[in-house]
Amino acid sequence: MEVSIELTMSPLQDDFERHIIDFIKVLRSSQFTVLENPLSTQIFGEYATLMPFLTKAIEESLAHQDAVLIYLKLVKSNRADYKPDF
């Protein structure tokens, strides 16, 4: 089953930018399609392989931060190629 996941990381500490960049670099280095915009990062792929990867990536990021919020939205379908038609 293909999924699309939107992630927003909000570290609650002064050196927040480094943590966000490090996390995005981990996502970029994966086998999955990753799209970024100024407000969030989207990752697309097969649920059964994407979720274990994402769980590990989030856990490793959390281990290096004092306090952080991670917002995650999951859609059942791969929306990587979505183009508005209006």
C-alpha atoms as a PDB file:
ATOM      1  CA  MET A   1       0.000   0.000   0.000  1.00  0.00           C
ATOM      2  CA  GLU A   2       1.419   3.344  -1.069  1.00  0.00           C
ATOM      3  CA  VAL A   3       1.348   6.294   1.345  1.00  0.00           C
ATOM      4  CA  SER A   4       2.225   9.971   1.445  1.00  0.00           C
ATOM      5  CA  ILE A   5       3.495  11.418   4.720  1.00  0.00           C
ATOM      6  CA  GLU A   6       3.924  15.088   5.539  1.00  0.00           C
ATOM      7  CA  LEU A   7       6.323  15.912   8.388  1.00  0.00           C
ATOM      8  CA  THR A   8       6.950  19.131  10.246  1.00  0.00           C
ATOM      9  CA  MET A   9       9.670  19.172  12.904  1.00  0.00           C
ATOM     10  CA  SER A  10       9.680  21.951  15.507  1.00  0.00           C
ATOM     11  CA  PRO A  11      12.643  21.667  17.885  1.00  0.00           C
ATOM     12  CA  LEU A  12      12.057  23.643  21.087  1.00  0.00           C
ATOM     13  CA  GLN A  13      15.633  24.780  21.598  1.00  0.00           C
ATOM     14  CA  ASP A  14      17.982  27.478  20.341  1.00  0.00           C
ATOM     15  CA  ASP A  15      19.949  25.324  17.880  1.00  0.00           C
ATOM     16  CA  PHE A  16      16.771  24.193  16.082  1.00  0.00           C
ATOM     17  CA  GLU A  17      17.999  24.718  12.520  1.00  0.00           C
ATOM     18  CA  ARG A  18      20.795  22.137  12.742  1.00  0.00           C
ATOM     19  CA  HIS A  19      18.361  19.442  13.916  1.00  0.00           C
ATOM     20  CA  ILE A  20      15.907  20.122  11.100  1.00  0.00           C
ATOM     21  CA  ILE A  21      18.654  20.059   8.467  1.00  0.00           C
ATOM     22  CA  ASP A  22      20.119  16.820   9.855  1.00  0.00           C
ATOM     23  CA  PHE A  23      16.697  15.146   9.799  1.00  0.00           C
ATOM     24  CA  ILE A  24      15.966  16.252   6.229  1.00  0.00           C
ATOM     25  CA  LYS A  25      19.371  14.959   5.104  1.00  0.00           C
ATOM     26  CA  VAL A  26      18.503  11.519   6.522  1.00  0.00           C
ATOM     27  CA  LEU A  27      15.201  11.558   4.626  1.00  0.00           C
ATOM     28  CA  ARG A  28      16.945  12.655   1.414  1.00  0.00           C
ATOM     29  CA  SER A  29      19.465   9.817   1.675  1.00  0.00           C
ATOM     30  CA  SER A  30      16.695   7.195   1.703  1.00  0.00           C
ATOM     31  CA  GLN A  31      15.275   5.204  -1.186  1.00  0.00           C
ATOM     32  CA  PHE A  32      12.009   7.153  -0.937  1.00  0.00           C
ATOM     33  CA  THR A  33      10.764  10.152  -2.888  1.00  0.00           C
ATOM     34  CA  VAL A  34      11.173  13.299  -0.760  1.00  0.00           C
ATOM     35  CA  LEU A  35       9.732  16.731  -1.524  1.00  0.00           C
ATOM     36  CA  GLU A  36      10.402  19.833   0.548  1.00  0.00           C
ATOM     37  CA  ASN A  37       8.803  23.214   0.903  1.00  0.00           C
ATOM     38  CA  PRO A  38       9.305  26.026   3.434  1.00  0.00           C
ATOM     39  CA  LEU A  39       6.716  24.609   5.851  1.00  0.00           C
ATOM     40  CA  SER A  40       7.126  20.841   5.715  1.00  0.00           C
ATOM     41  CA  THR A  41       8.751  17.832   4.114  1.00  0.00           C
ATOM     42  CA  GLN A  42       6.837  15.087   2.342  1.00  0.00           C
ATOM     43  CA  ILE A  43       8.000  11.518   1.879  1.00  0.00           C
ATOM     44  CA  PHE A  44       6.309   8.941  -0.337  1.00  0.00           C
ATOM     45  CA  GLY A  45       6.539   5.172  -0.652  1.00  0.00           C
ATOM     46  CA  GLU A  46       5.364   1.727   0.326  1.00  0.00           C
ATOM     47  CA  TYR A  47       3.888   1.749   3.858  1.00  0.00           C
ATOM     48  CA  ALA A  48       5.576  -1.503   4.943  1.00  0.00           C
ATOM     49  CA  THR A  49       9.065  -0.197   4.155  1.00  0.00           C
ATOM     50  CA  LEU A  50       8.559   3.519   4.756  1.00  0.00           C
ATOM     51  CA  MET A  51       7.218   3.301   8.311  1.00  0.00           C
ATOM     52  CA  PRO A  52      10.139   1.293   9.799  1.00  0.00           C
ATOM     53  CA  PHE A  53      12.586   3.687   8.120  1.00  0.00           C
ATOM     54  CA  LEU A  54      10.700   6.723   9.414  1.00  0.00           C
ATOM     55  CA  THR A  55      10.385   5.276  12.922  1.00  0.00           C
ATOM     56  CA  LYS A  56      14.159   4.798  13.097  1.00  0.00           C
ATOM     57  CA  ALA A  57      14.918   8.237  11.596  1.00  0.00           C
ATOM     58  CA  ILE A  58      12.598   9.970  14.071  1.00  0.00           C
ATOM     59  CA  GLU A  59      13.972   8.009  17.026  1.00  0.00           C
ATOM     60  CA  GLU A  60      17.566   8.926  16.127  1.00  0.00           C
ATOM     61  CA  SER A  61      16.623  12.589  15.732  1.00  0.00           C
ATOM     62  CA  LEU A  62      14.790  12.643  19.068  1.00  0.00           C
ATOM     63  CA  ALA A  63      17.852  11.175  20.776  1.00  0.00           C
ATOM     64  CA  HIS A  64      19.853  14.295  19.829  1.00  0.00           C
ATOM     65  CA  GLN A  65      17.318  16.890  20.979  1.00  0.00           C
ATOM     66  CA  ASP A  66      16.110  18.117  24.342  1.00  0.00           C
ATOM     67  CA  ALA A  67      12.549  18.925  23.294  1.00  0.00           C
ATOM     68  CA  VAL A  68      10.853  18.695  19.910  1.00  0.00           C
ATOM     69  CA  LEU A  69       7.430  18.481  18.312  1.00  0.00           C
ATOM     70  CA  ILE A  70       6.941  16.384  15.195  1.00  0.00           C
ATOM     71  CA  TYR A  71       3.713  16.738  13.265  1.00  0.00           C
ATOM     72  CA  LEU A  72       2.898  13.903  10.897  1.00  0.00           C
ATOM     73  CA  LYS A  73       0.064  13.564   8.378  1.00  0.00           C
ATOM     74  CA  LEU A  74      -0.434  10.290   6.540  1.00  0.00           C
ATOM     75  CA  VAL A  75      -2.513   9.767   3.391  1.00  0.00           C
ATOM     76  CA  LYS A  76      -3.246   6.375   1.875  1.00  0.00           C
ATOM     77  CA  SER A  77      -1.978   6.921  -1.674  1.00  0.00           C
ATOM     78  CA  ASN A  78       1.191   8.152  -3.270  1.00  0.00           C
ATOM     79  CA  ARG A  79       0.590  11.843  -4.028  1.00  0.00           C
ATOM     80  CA  ALA A  80       4.156  12.621  -5.153  1.00  0.00           C
ATOM     81  CA  ASP A  81       3.002  13.418  -8.685  1.00  0.00           C
ATOM     82  CA  TYR A  82      -0.013  15.513  -7.660  1.00  0.00           C
ATOM     83  CA  LYS A  83      -0.637  18.510  -9.901  1.00  0.00           C
ATOM     84  CA  PRO A  84      -3.622  20.788  -9.218  1.00  0.00           C
ATOM     85  CA  ASP A  85      -6.039  20.910 -12.120  1.00  0.00           C
ATOM     86  CA  PHE A  86      -7.753  24.193 -11.332  1.00  0.00           C
END
